[in-house]
mmCIF file of all heavy atoms, coordinates in Angstrom:
data_MODEL
# 
_entry.id   MODEL 
# 
loop_
_atom_site.group_PDB 
_atom_site.id 
_atom_site.type_symbol 
_atom_site.label_atom_id 
_atom_site.label_alt_id 
_atom_site.label_comp_id 
_atom_site.label_asym_id 
_atom_site.label_entity_id 
_atom_site.label_seq_id 
_atom_site.pdbx_PDB_ins_code 
_atom_site.Cartn_x 
_atom_site.Cartn_y 
_atom_site.Cartn_z 
_atom_site.occupancy 
_atom_site.B_iso_or_equiv 
_atom_site.pdbx_formal_charge 
_atom_site.auth_seq_id 
_atom_site.auth_comp_id 
_atom_site.auth_asym_id 
_atom_site.auth_atom_id 
_atom_site.pdbx_PDB_model_num 
ATOM 1   N N   . PHE A 1 1  ? 0.851   -1.200 0.011   1.00 0.00 ? 1  PHE A N   1 
ATOM 2   C CA  . PHE A 1 1  ? -0.014  0.005  -0.003  1.00 0.00 ? 1  PHE A CA  1 
ATOM 3   C C   . PHE A 1 1  ? 0.885   1.237  -0.012  1.00 0.00 ? 1  PHE A C   1 
ATOM 4   O O   . PHE A 1 1  ? 2.034   1.178  0.401   1.00 0.00 ? 1  PHE A O   1 
ATOM 5   C CB  . PHE A 1 1  ? -0.983  -0.022 1.187   1.00 0.00 ? 1  PHE A CB  1 
ATOM 6   C CG  . PHE A 1 1  ? -0.399  0.370  2.501   1.00 0.00 ? 1  PHE A CG  1 
ATOM 7   C CD1 . PHE A 1 1  ? -0.490  1.665  2.978   1.00 0.00 ? 1  PHE A CD1 1 
ATOM 8   C CD2 . PHE A 1 1  ? 0.277   -0.565 3.291   1.00 0.00 ? 1  PHE A CD2 1 
ATOM 9   C CE1 . PHE A 1 1  ? 0.041   2.016  4.216   1.00 0.00 ? 1  PHE A CE1 1 
ATOM 10  C CE2 . PHE A 1 1  ? 0.824   -0.211 4.517   1.00 0.00 ? 1  PHE A CE2 1 
ATOM 11  C CZ  . PHE A 1 1  ? 0.696   1.077  4.976   1.00 0.00 ? 1  PHE A CZ  1 
ATOM 12  N N   . ASP A 1 2  ? 0.306   2.311  -0.504  1.00 0.00 ? 2  ASP A N   1 
ATOM 13  C CA  . ASP A 1 2  ? 1.066   3.559  -0.620  1.00 0.00 ? 2  ASP A CA  1 
ATOM 14  C C   . ASP A 1 2  ? 0.264   4.668  0.122   1.00 0.00 ? 2  ASP A C   1 
ATOM 15  O O   . ASP A 1 2  ? -0.926  4.490  0.411   1.00 0.00 ? 2  ASP A O   1 
ATOM 16  C CB  . ASP A 1 2  ? 1.227   3.956  -2.083  1.00 0.00 ? 2  ASP A CB  1 
ATOM 17  C CG  . ASP A 1 2  ? 2.482   4.800  -2.355  1.00 0.00 ? 2  ASP A CG  1 
ATOM 18  O OD1 . ASP A 1 2  ? 2.969   5.404  -1.386  1.00 0.00 ? 2  ASP A OD1 1 
ATOM 19  O OD2 . ASP A 1 2  ? 2.929   4.822  -3.506  1.00 0.00 ? 2  ASP A OD2 1 
ATOM 20  N N   . ILE A 1 3  ? 0.910   5.781  0.364   1.00 0.00 ? 3  ILE A N   1 
ATOM 21  C CA  . ILE A 1 3  ? 0.211   6.928  0.964   1.00 0.00 ? 3  ILE A CA  1 
ATOM 22  C C   . ILE A 1 3  ? 0.357   8.101  0.007   1.00 0.00 ? 3  ILE A C   1 
ATOM 23  O O   . ILE A 1 3  ? 1.442   8.433  -0.420  1.00 0.00 ? 3  ILE A O   1 
ATOM 24  C CB  . ILE A 1 3  ? 0.775   7.280  2.363   1.00 0.00 ? 3  ILE A CB  1 
ATOM 25  C CG1 . ILE A 1 3  ? 0.444   6.171  3.341   1.00 0.00 ? 3  ILE A CG1 1 
ATOM 26  C CG2 . ILE A 1 3  ? 0.186   8.611  2.840   1.00 0.00 ? 3  ILE A CG2 1 
ATOM 27  C CD1 . ILE A 1 3  ? 1.068   6.374  4.710   1.00 0.00 ? 3  ILE A CD1 1 
ATOM 28  N N   . GLU A 1 4  ? -0.826  8.654  -0.373  1.00 0.00 ? 4  GLU A N   1 
ATOM 29  C CA  . GLU A 1 4  ? -0.854  9.799  -1.289  1.00 0.00 ? 4  GLU A CA  1 
ATOM 30  C C   . GLU A 1 4  ? -1.013  11.042 -0.451  1.00 0.00 ? 4  GLU A C   1 
ATOM 31  O O   . GLU A 1 4  ? -1.896  11.152 0.437   1.00 0.00 ? 4  GLU A O   1 
ATOM 32  C CB  . GLU A 1 4  ? -2.078  9.647  -2.226  1.00 0.00 ? 4  GLU A CB  1 
ATOM 33  C CG  . GLU A 1 4  ? -2.126  10.610 -3.358  1.00 0.00 ? 4  GLU A CG  1 
ATOM 34  C CD  . GLU A 1 4  ? -3.289  10.288 -4.270  1.00 0.00 ? 4  GLU A CD  1 
ATOM 35  O OE1 . GLU A 1 4  ? -3.122  9.395  -5.122  1.00 0.00 ? 4  GLU A OE1 1 
ATOM 36  O OE2 . GLU A 1 4  ? -4.369  10.887 -4.077  1.00 0.00 ? 4  GLU A OE2 1 
ATOM 37  N N   . VAL A 1 5  ? -0.119  12.025 -0.659  1.00 0.00 ? 5  VAL A N   1 
ATOM 38  C CA  . VAL A 1 5  ? -0.163  13.308 0.055   1.00 0.00 ? 5  VAL A CA  1 
ATOM 39  C C   . VAL A 1 5  ? -0.813  14.340 -0.890  1.00 0.00 ? 5  VAL A C   1 
ATOM 40  O O   . VAL A 1 5  ? -0.415  14.477 -2.025  1.00 0.00 ? 5  VAL A O   1 
ATOM 41  C CB  . VAL A 1 5  ? 1.244   13.799 0.458   1.00 0.00 ? 5  VAL A CB  1 
ATOM 42  C CG1 . VAL A 1 5  ? 1.170   15.083 1.261   1.00 0.00 ? 5  VAL A CG1 1 
ATOM 43  C CG2 . VAL A 1 5  ? 1.962   12.696 1.227   1.00 0.00 ? 5  VAL A CG2 1 
ATOM 44  N N   . ASN A 1 6  ? -1.830  15.046 -0.394  1.00 0.00 ? 6  ASN A N   1 
ATOM 45  C CA  . ASN A 1 6  ? -2.581  15.988 -1.230  1.00 0.00 ? 6  ASN A CA  1 
ATOM 46  C C   . ASN A 1 6  ? -2.638  17.366 -0.628  1.00 0.00 ? 6  ASN A C   1 
ATOM 47  O O   . ASN A 1 6  ? -2.670  17.550 0.608   1.00 0.00 ? 6  ASN A O   1 
ATOM 48  C CB  . ASN A 1 6  ? -4.074  15.504 -1.309  1.00 0.00 ? 6  ASN A CB  1 
ATOM 49  C CG  . ASN A 1 6  ? -4.200  14.231 -2.055  1.00 0.00 ? 6  ASN A CG  1 
ATOM 50  O OD1 . ASN A 1 6  ? -4.436  14.162 -3.243  1.00 0.00 ? 6  ASN A OD1 1 
ATOM 51  N ND2 . ASN A 1 6  ? -4.097  13.084 -1.312  1.00 0.00 ? 6  ASN A ND2 1 
ATOM 52  N N   . ALA A 1 7  ? -2.629  18.400 -1.507  1.00 0.00 ? 7  ALA A N   1 
ATOM 53  C CA  . ALA A 1 7  ? -2.871  19.785 -1.104  1.00 0.00 ? 7  ALA A CA  1 
ATOM 54  C C   . ALA A 1 7  ? -3.639  20.435 -2.211  1.00 0.00 ? 7  ALA A C   1 
ATOM 55  O O   . ALA A 1 7  ? -3.340  20.345 -3.352  1.00 0.00 ? 7  ALA A O   1 
ATOM 56  C CB  . ALA A 1 7  ? -1.552  20.476 -0.890  1.00 0.00 ? 7  ALA A CB  1 
ATOM 57  N N   . SER A 1 8  ? -4.699  21.129 -1.822  1.00 0.00 ? 8  SER A N   1 
ATOM 58  C CA  . SER A 1 8  ? -5.600  21.738 -2.812  1.00 0.00 ? 8  SER A CA  1 
ATOM 59  C C   . SER A 1 8  ? -6.199  23.045 -2.254  1.00 0.00 ? 8  SER A C   1 
ATOM 60  O O   . SER A 1 8  ? -6.569  23.081 -1.089  1.00 0.00 ? 8  SER A O   1 
ATOM 61  C CB  . SER A 1 8  ? -6.731  20.780 -3.167  1.00 0.00 ? 8  SER A CB  1 
ATOM 62  O OG  . SER A 1 8  ? -7.734  21.438 -3.941  1.00 0.00 ? 8  SER A OG  1 
ATOM 63  N N   . PRO A 1 9  ? -6.353  24.031 -3.129  1.00 0.00 ? 9  PRO A N   1 
ATOM 64  C CA  . PRO A 1 9  ? -7.160  25.205 -2.693  1.00 0.00 ? 9  PRO A CA  1 
ATOM 65  C C   . PRO A 1 9  ? -8.591  24.750 -2.411  1.00 0.00 ? 9  PRO A C   1 
ATOM 66  O O   . PRO A 1 9  ? -9.039  23.790 -2.992  1.00 0.00 ? 9  PRO A O   1 
ATOM 67  C CB  . PRO A 1 9  ? -7.144  26.141 -3.932  1.00 0.00 ? 9  PRO A CB  1 
ATOM 68  C CG  . PRO A 1 9  ? -6.165  25.554 -4.887  1.00 0.00 ? 9  PRO A CG  1 
ATOM 69  C CD  . PRO A 1 9  ? -5.996  24.123 -4.543  1.00 0.00 ? 9  PRO A CD  1 
ATOM 70  N N   . ILE A 1 10 ? -9.303  25.466 -1.540  1.00 0.00 ? 10 ILE A N   1 
ATOM 71  C CA  . ILE A 1 10 ? -10.692 25.121 -1.268  1.00 0.00 ? 10 ILE A CA  1 
ATOM 72  C C   . ILE A 1 10 ? -11.649 26.045 -2.027  1.00 0.00 ? 10 ILE A C   1 
ATOM 73  O O   . ILE A 1 10 ? -12.822 25.768 -2.204  1.00 0.00 ? 10 ILE A O   1 
ATOM 74  C CB  . ILE A 1 10 ? -11.057 25.087 0.227   1.00 0.00 ? 10 ILE A CB  1 
ATOM 75  C CG1 . ILE A 1 10 ? -10.839 26.465 0.884   1.00 0.00 ? 10 ILE A CG1 1 
ATOM 76  C CG2 . ILE A 1 10 ? -10.257 24.031 0.905   1.00 0.00 ? 10 ILE A CG2 1 
ATOM 77  C CD1 . ILE A 1 10 ? -11.294 26.512 2.348   1.00 0.00 ? 10 ILE A CD1 1 
ATOM 78  N N   . LEU A 1 11 ? -11.143 27.179 -2.502  1.00 0.00 ? 11 LEU A N   1 
ATOM 79  C CA  . LEU A 1 11 ? -11.913 28.117 -3.333  1.00 0.00 ? 11 LEU A CA  1 
ATOM 80  C C   . LEU A 1 11 ? -11.015 28.600 -4.452  1.00 0.00 ? 11 LEU A C   1 
ATOM 81  O O   . LEU A 1 11 ? -9.821  28.837 -4.225  1.00 0.00 ? 11 LEU A O   1 
ATOM 82  C CB  . LEU A 1 11 ? -12.425 29.299 -2.520  1.00 0.00 ? 11 LEU A CB  1 
ATOM 83  C CG  . LEU A 1 11 ? -13.661 29.136 -1.667  1.00 0.00 ? 11 LEU A CG  1 
ATOM 84  C CD1 . LEU A 1 11 ? -13.939 30.420 -0.900  1.00 0.00 ? 11 LEU A CD1 1 
ATOM 85  C CD2 . LEU A 1 11 ? -14.884 28.724 -2.475  1.00 0.00 ? 11 LEU A CD2 1 
ATOM 86  N N   . ALA A 1 12 ? -11.591 28.760 -5.612  1.00 0.00 ? 12 ALA A N   1 
ATOM 87  C CA  . ALA A 1 12 ? -10.811 29.325 -6.750  1.00 0.00 ? 12 ALA A CA  1 
ATOM 88  C C   . ALA A 1 12 ? -11.030 30.813 -6.912  1.00 0.00 ? 12 ALA A C   1 
ATOM 89  O O   . ALA A 1 12 ? -10.489 31.444 -7.831  1.00 0.00 ? 12 ALA A O   1 
ATOM 90  C CB  . ALA A 1 12 ? -11.240 28.615 -8.043  1.00 0.00 ? 12 ALA A CB  1 
ATOM 91  N N   . ALA A 1 13 ? -11.840 31.353 -6.010  1.00 0.00 ? 13 ALA A N   1 
ATOM 92  C CA  . ALA A 1 13 ? -12.274 32.763 -6.165  1.00 0.00 ? 13 ALA A CA  1 
ATOM 93  C C   . ALA A 1 13 ? -11.114 33.757 -6.384  1.00 0.00 ? 13 ALA A C   1 
ATOM 94  O O   . ALA A 1 13 ? -11.137 34.549 -7.352  1.00 0.00 ? 13 ALA A O   1 
ATOM 95  C CB  . ALA A 1 13 ? -13.112 33.195 -4.980  1.00 0.00 ? 13 ALA A CB  1 
ATOM 96  N N   . GLU A 1 14 ? -10.115 33.724 -5.506  1.00 0.00 ? 14 GLU A N   1 
ATOM 97  C CA  . GLU A 1 14 ? -9.044  34.680 -5.570  1.00 0.00 ? 14 GLU A CA  1 
ATOM 98  C C   . GLU A 1 14 ? -8.185  34.478 -6.822  1.00 0.00 ? 14 GLU A C   1 
ATOM 99  O O   . GLU A 1 14 ? -7.780  35.453 -7.474  1.00 0.00 ? 14 GLU A O   1 
ATOM 100 C CB  . GLU A 1 14 ? -8.187  34.613 -4.291  1.00 0.00 ? 14 GLU A CB  1 
ATOM 101 C CG  . GLU A 1 14 ? -7.137  35.707 -4.196  1.00 0.00 ? 14 GLU A CG  1 
ATOM 102 C CD  . GLU A 1 14 ? -7.687  37.122 -4.392  1.00 0.00 ? 14 GLU A CD  1 
ATOM 103 O OE1 . GLU A 1 14 ? -8.774  37.417 -3.874  1.00 0.00 ? 14 GLU A OE1 1 
ATOM 104 O OE2 . GLU A 1 14 ? -7.043  37.925 -5.121  1.00 0.00 ? 14 GLU A OE2 1 
ATOM 105 N N   . THR A 1 15 ? -7.933  33.218 -7.166  1.00 0.00 ? 15 THR A N   1 
ATOM 106 C CA  . THR A 1 15 ? -7.160  32.899 -8.394  1.00 0.00 ? 15 THR A CA  1 
ATOM 107 C C   . THR A 1 15 ? -7.871  33.461 -9.632  1.00 0.00 ? 15 THR A C   1 
ATOM 108 O O   . THR A 1 15 ? -7.236  34.062 -10.468 1.00 0.00 ? 15 THR A O   1 
ATOM 109 C CB  . THR A 1 15 ? -7.022  31.371 -8.478  1.00 0.00 ? 15 THR A CB  1 
ATOM 110 O OG1 . THR A 1 15 ? -6.280  30.909 -7.332  1.00 0.00 ? 15 THR A OG1 1 
ATOM 111 C CG2 . THR A 1 15 ? -6.248  30.988 -9.737  1.00 0.00 ? 15 THR A CG2 1 
ATOM 112 N N   . LEU A 1 16 ? -9.191  33.179 -9.741  1.00 0.00 ? 16 LEU A N   1 
ATOM 113 C CA  . LEU A 1 16 ? -9.916  33.674 -10.932 1.00 0.00 ? 16 LEU A CA  1 
ATOM 114 C C   . LEU A 1 16 ? -10.019 35.203 -10.904 1.00 0.00 ? 16 LEU A C   1 
ATOM 115 O O   . LEU A 1 16 ? -9.932  35.814 -11.967 1.00 0.00 ? 16 LEU A O   1 
ATOM 116 C CB  . LEU A 1 16 ? -11.319 33.041 -10.936 1.00 0.00 ? 16 LEU A CB  1 
ATOM 117 C CG  . LEU A 1 16 ? -11.328 31.534 -11.261 1.00 0.00 ? 16 LEU A CG  1 
ATOM 118 C CD1 . LEU A 1 16 ? -12.747 30.965 -11.104 1.00 0.00 ? 16 LEU A CD1 1 
ATOM 119 C CD2 . LEU A 1 16 ? -10.815 31.240 -12.666 1.00 0.00 ? 16 LEU A CD2 1 
ATOM 120 N N   . ARG A 1 17 ? -10.204 35.779 -9.742  1.00 0.00 ? 17 ARG A N   1 
ATOM 121 C CA  . ARG A 1 17 ? -10.340 37.238 -9.678  1.00 0.00 ? 17 ARG A CA  1 
ATOM 122 C C   . ARG A 1 17 ? -9.036  37.906 -10.149 1.00 0.00 ? 17 ARG A C   1 
ATOM 123 O O   . ARG A 1 17 ? -9.038  38.839 -10.911 1.00 0.00 ? 17 ARG A O   1 
ATOM 124 C CB  . ARG A 1 17 ? -10.667 37.648 -8.223  1.00 0.00 ? 17 ARG A CB  1 
ATOM 125 C CG  . ARG A 1 17 ? -11.085 39.068 -8.036  1.00 0.00 ? 17 ARG A CG  1 
ATOM 126 C CD  . ARG A 1 17 ? -11.407 39.392 -6.573  1.00 0.00 ? 17 ARG A CD  1 
ATOM 127 N NE  . ARG A 1 17 ? -12.543 38.672 -6.097  1.00 0.00 ? 17 ARG A NE  1 
ATOM 128 C CZ  . ARG A 1 17 ? -12.560 37.826 -5.046  1.00 0.00 ? 17 ARG A CZ  1 
ATOM 129 N NH1 . ARG A 1 17 ? -11.445 37.645 -4.379  1.00 0.00 ? 17 ARG A NH1 1 
ATOM 130 N NH2 . ARG A 1 17 ? -13.652 37.201 -4.676  1.00 0.00 ? 17 ARG A NH2 1 
ATOM 131 N N   . ARG A 1 18 ? -7.921  37.326 -9.640  1.00 0.00 ? 18 ARG A N   1 
ATOM 132 C CA  . ARG A 1 18 ? -6.625  37.942 -9.951  1.00 0.00 ? 18 ARG A CA  1 
ATOM 133 C C   . ARG A 1 18 ? -6.134  37.659 -11.366 1.00 0.00 ? 18 ARG A C   1 
ATOM 134 O O   . ARG A 1 18 ? -5.633  38.581 -12.040 1.00 0.00 ? 18 ARG A O   1 
ATOM 135 C CB  . ARG A 1 18 ? -5.586  37.422 -8.929  1.00 0.00 ? 18 ARG A CB  1 
ATOM 136 C CG  . ARG A 1 18 ? -4.193  38.028 -9.055  1.00 0.00 ? 18 ARG A CG  1 
ATOM 137 C CD  . ARG A 1 18 ? -3.264  37.506 -7.962  1.00 0.00 ? 18 ARG A CD  1 
ATOM 138 N NE  . ARG A 1 18 ? -3.037  36.059 -8.041  1.00 0.00 ? 18 ARG A NE  1 
ATOM 139 C CZ  . ARG A 1 18 ? -3.510  35.187 -7.131  1.00 0.00 ? 18 ARG A CZ  1 
ATOM 140 N NH1 . ARG A 1 18 ? -4.203  35.607 -6.078  1.00 0.00 ? 18 ARG A NH1 1 
ATOM 141 N NH2 . ARG A 1 18 ? -3.294  33.904 -7.251  1.00 0.00 ? 18 ARG A NH2 1 
ATOM 142 N N   . ASN A 1 19 ? -6.290  36.432 -11.820 1.00 0.00 ? 19 ASN A N   1 
ATOM 143 C CA  . ASN A 1 19 ? -5.709  36.018 -13.115 1.00 0.00 ? 19 ASN A CA  1 
ATOM 144 C C   . ASN A 1 19 ? -6.640  36.145 -14.297 1.00 0.00 ? 19 ASN A C   1 
ATOM 145 O O   . ASN A 1 19 ? -6.171  36.121 -15.463 1.00 0.00 ? 19 ASN A O   1 
ATOM 146 C CB  . ASN A 1 19 ? -5.213  34.565 -13.045 1.00 0.00 ? 19 ASN A CB  1 
ATOM 147 C CG  . ASN A 1 19 ? -4.116  34.365 -12.032 1.00 0.00 ? 19 ASN A CG  1 
ATOM 148 O OD1 . ASN A 1 19 ? -3.340  35.277 -11.807 1.00 0.00 ? 19 ASN A OD1 1 
ATOM 149 N ND2 . ASN A 1 19 ? -4.047  33.236 -11.419 1.00 0.00 ? 19 ASN A ND2 1 
ATOM 150 N N   . LEU A 1 20 ? -7.949  36.270 -14.056 1.00 0.00 ? 20 LEU A N   1 
ATOM 151 C CA  . LEU A 1 20 ? -8.898  36.232 -15.175 1.00 0.00 ? 20 LEU A CA  1 
ATOM 152 C C   . LEU A 1 20 ? -9.731  37.527 -15.206 1.00 0.00 ? 20 LEU A C   1 
ATOM 153 O O   . LEU A 1 20 ? -9.577  38.380 -16.062 1.00 0.00 ? 20 LEU A O   1 
ATOM 154 C CB  . LEU A 1 20 ? -9.761  35.011 -15.119 1.00 0.00 ? 20 LEU A CB  1 
ATOM 155 C CG  . LEU A 1 20 ? -10.877 34.904 -16.180 1.00 0.00 ? 20 LEU A CG  1 
ATOM 156 C CD1 . LEU A 1 20 ? -10.256 34.908 -17.579 1.00 0.00 ? 20 LEU A CD1 1 
ATOM 157 C CD2 . LEU A 1 20 ? -11.718 33.630 -15.969 1.00 0.00 ? 20 LEU A CD2 1 
ATOM 158 N N   . TRP A 1 21 ? -10.668 37.664 -14.217 1.00 0.00 ? 21 TRP A N   1 
ATOM 159 C CA  . TRP A 1 21 ? -11.606 38.758 -14.295 1.00 0.00 ? 21 TRP A CA  1 
ATOM 160 C C   . TRP A 1 21 ? -10.921 40.129 -14.346 1.00 0.00 ? 21 TRP A C   1 
ATOM 161 O O   . TRP A 1 21 ? -11.361 40.983 -15.090 1.00 0.00 ? 21 TRP A O   1 
ATOM 162 C CB  . TRP A 1 21 ? -12.600 38.711 -13.120 1.00 0.00 ? 21 TRP A CB  1 
ATOM 163 C CG  . TRP A 1 21 ? -13.212 37.379 -12.799 1.00 0.00 ? 21 TRP A CG  1 
ATOM 164 C CD1 . TRP A 1 21 ? -13.238 36.732 -11.618 1.00 0.00 ? 21 TRP A CD1 1 
ATOM 165 C CD2 . TRP A 1 21 ? -13.861 36.468 -13.688 1.00 0.00 ? 21 TRP A CD2 1 
ATOM 166 N NE1 . TRP A 1 21 ? -13.859 35.557 -11.672 1.00 0.00 ? 21 TRP A NE1 1 
ATOM 167 C CE2 . TRP A 1 21 ? -14.272 35.334 -12.965 1.00 0.00 ? 21 TRP A CE2 1 
ATOM 168 C CE3 . TRP A 1 21 ? -14.148 36.509 -15.075 1.00 0.00 ? 21 TRP A CE3 1 
ATOM 169 C CZ2 . TRP A 1 21 ? -14.921 34.269 -13.531 1.00 0.00 ? 21 TRP A CZ2 1 
ATOM 170 C CZ3 . TRP A 1 21 ? -14.850 35.435 -15.627 1.00 0.00 ? 21 TRP A CZ3 1 
ATOM 171 C CH2 . TRP A 1 21 ? -15.228 34.337 -14.895 1.00 0.00 ? 21 TRP A CH2 1 
ATOM 172 N N   . SER A 1 22 ? -9.898  40.287 -13.497 1.00 0.00 ? 22 SER A N   1 
ATOM 173 C CA  . SER A 1 22 ? -9.274  41.626 -13.414 1.00 0.00 ? 22 SER A CA  1 
ATOM 174 C C   . SER A 1 22 ? -8.395  41.965 -14.627 1.00 0.00 ? 22 SER A C   1 
ATOM 175 O O   . SER A 1 22 ? -8.065  43.109 -14.858 1.00 0.00 ? 22 SER A O   1 
ATOM 176 C CB  . SER A 1 22 ? -8.397  41.689 -12.145 1.00 0.00 ? 22 SER A CB  1 
ATOM 177 O OG  . SER A 1 22 ? -9.200  41.564 -11.003 1.00 0.00 ? 22 SER A OG  1 
ATOM 178 N N   . VAL A 1 23 ? -7.979  40.916 -15.372 1.00 0.00 ? 23 VAL A N   1 
ATOM 179 C CA  . VAL A 1 23 ? -7.052  41.128 -16.496 1.00 0.00 ? 23 VAL A CA  1 
ATOM 180 C C   . VAL A 1 23 ? -7.744  41.157 -17.822 1.00 0.00 ? 23 VAL A C   1 
ATOM 181 O O   . VAL A 1 23 ? -7.366  41.926 -18.687 1.00 0.00 ? 23 VAL A O   1 
ATOM 182 C CB  . VAL A 1 23 ? -5.995  39.961 -16.479 1.00 0.00 ? 23 VAL A CB  1 
ATOM 183 C CG1 . VAL A 1 23 ? -4.892  40.278 -17.481 1.00 0.00 ? 23 VAL A CG1 1 
ATOM 184 C CG2 . VAL A 1 23 ? -5.415  39.774 -15.080 1.00 0.00 ? 23 VAL A CG2 1 
ATOM 185 N N   . ALA A 1 24 ? -8.797  40.325 -18.012 1.00 0.00 ? 24 ALA A N   1 
ATOM 186 C CA  . ALA A 1 24 ? -9.403  40.184 -19.292 1.00 0.00 ? 24 ALA A CA  1 
ATOM 187 C C   . ALA A 1 24 ? -10.027 41.470 -19.790 1.00 0.00 ? 24 ALA A C   1 
ATOM 188 O O   . ALA A 1 24 ? -10.487 42.310 -19.022 1.00 0.00 ? 24 ALA A O   1 
ATOM 189 C CB  . ALA A 1 24 ? -10.459 39.100 -19.259 1.00 0.00 ? 24 ALA A CB  1 
ATOM 190 N N   . TYR A 1 25 ? -10.060 41.649 -21.113 1.00 0.00 ? 25 TYR A N   1 
ATOM 191 C CA  . TYR A 1 25 ? -10.793 42.774 -21.739 1.00 0.00 ? 25 TYR A CA  1 
ATOM 192 C C   . TYR A 1 25 ? -12.270 42.687 -21.320 1.00 0.00 ? 25 TYR A C   1 
ATOM 193 O O   . TYR A 1 25 ? -12.867 43.677 -20.968 1.00 0.00 ? 25 TYR A O   1 
ATOM 194 C CB  . TYR A 1 25 ? -10.628 42.747 -23.265 1.00 0.00 ? 25 TYR A CB  1 
ATOM 195 C CG  . TYR A 1 25 ? -11.435 43.811 -23.943 1.00 0.00 ? 25 TYR A CG  1 
ATOM 196 C CD1 . TYR A 1 25 ? -10.966 45.145 -24.000 1.00 0.00 ? 25 TYR A CD1 1 
ATOM 197 C CD2 . TYR A 1 25 ? -12.686 43.538 -24.528 1.00 0.00 ? 25 TYR A CD2 1 
ATOM 198 C CE1 . TYR A 1 25 ? -11.727 46.113 -24.608 1.00 0.00 ? 25 TYR A CE1 1 
ATOM 199 C CE2 . TYR A 1 25 ? -13.428 44.504 -25.149 1.00 0.00 ? 25 TYR A CE2 1 
ATOM 200 C CZ  . TYR A 1 25 ? -12.957 45.816 -25.217 1.00 0.00 ? 25 TYR A CZ  1 
ATOM 201 O OH  . TYR A 1 25 ? -13.689 46.811 -25.783 1.00 0.00 ? 25 TYR A OH  1 
ATOM 202 N N   . GLY A 1 26 ? -12.820 41.490 -21.411 1.00 0.00 ? 26 GLY A N   1 
ATOM 203 C CA  . GLY A 1 26 ? -14.208 41.284 -21.018 1.00 0.00 ? 26 GLY A CA  1 
ATOM 204 C C   . GLY A 1 26 ? -14.508 39.801 -20.948 1.00 0.00 ? 26 GLY A C   1 
ATOM 205 O O   . GLY A 1 26 ? -13.775 38.991 -21.512 1.00 0.00 ? 26 GLY A O   1 
ATOM 206 N N   . ALA A 1 27 ? -15.565 39.400 -20.199 1.00 0.00 ? 27 ALA A N   1 
ATOM 207 C CA  . ALA A 1 27 ? -15.869 37.977 -20.070 1.00 0.00 ? 27 ALA A CA  1 
ATOM 208 C C   . ALA A 1 27 ? -17.352 37.739 -19.831 1.00 0.00 ? 27 ALA A C   1 
ATOM 209 O O   . ALA A 1 27 ? -18.006 38.526 -19.112 1.00 0.00 ? 27 ALA A O   1 
ATOM 210 C CB  . ALA A 1 27 ? -15.065 37.359 -18.936 1.00 0.00 ? 27 ALA A CB  1 
ATOM 211 N N   . LEU A 1 28 ? -17.835 36.689 -20.419 1.00 0.00 ? 28 LEU A N   1 
ATOM 212 C CA  . LEU A 1 28 ? -19.214 36.200 -20.212 1.00 0.00 ? 28 LEU A CA  1 
ATOM 213 C C   . LEU A 1 28 ? -19.122 34.797 -19.668 1.00 0.00 ? 28 LEU A C   1 
ATOM 214 O O   . LEU A 1 28 ? -18.356 33.965 -20.147 1.00 0.00 ? 28 LEU A O   1 
ATOM 215 C CB  . LEU A 1 28 ? -20.014 36.194 -21.533 1.00 0.00 ? 28 LEU A CB  1 
ATOM 216 C CG  . LEU A 1 28 ? -21.276 35.263 -21.559 1.00 0.00 ? 28 LEU A CG  1 
ATOM 217 C CD1 . LEU A 1 28 ? -22.382 35.835 -20.666 1.00 0.00 ? 28 LEU A CD1 1 
ATOM 218 C CD2 . LEU A 1 28 ? -21.767 35.075 -22.951 1.00 0.00 ? 28 LEU A CD2 1 
# 
């Protein structure tokens, strides 16, 4: 048997706000 170590964001809100919504010319 093996042990898998995981790490994940619980919300994408800040990532999308910073990298997409704030940068894009426009989005739908």
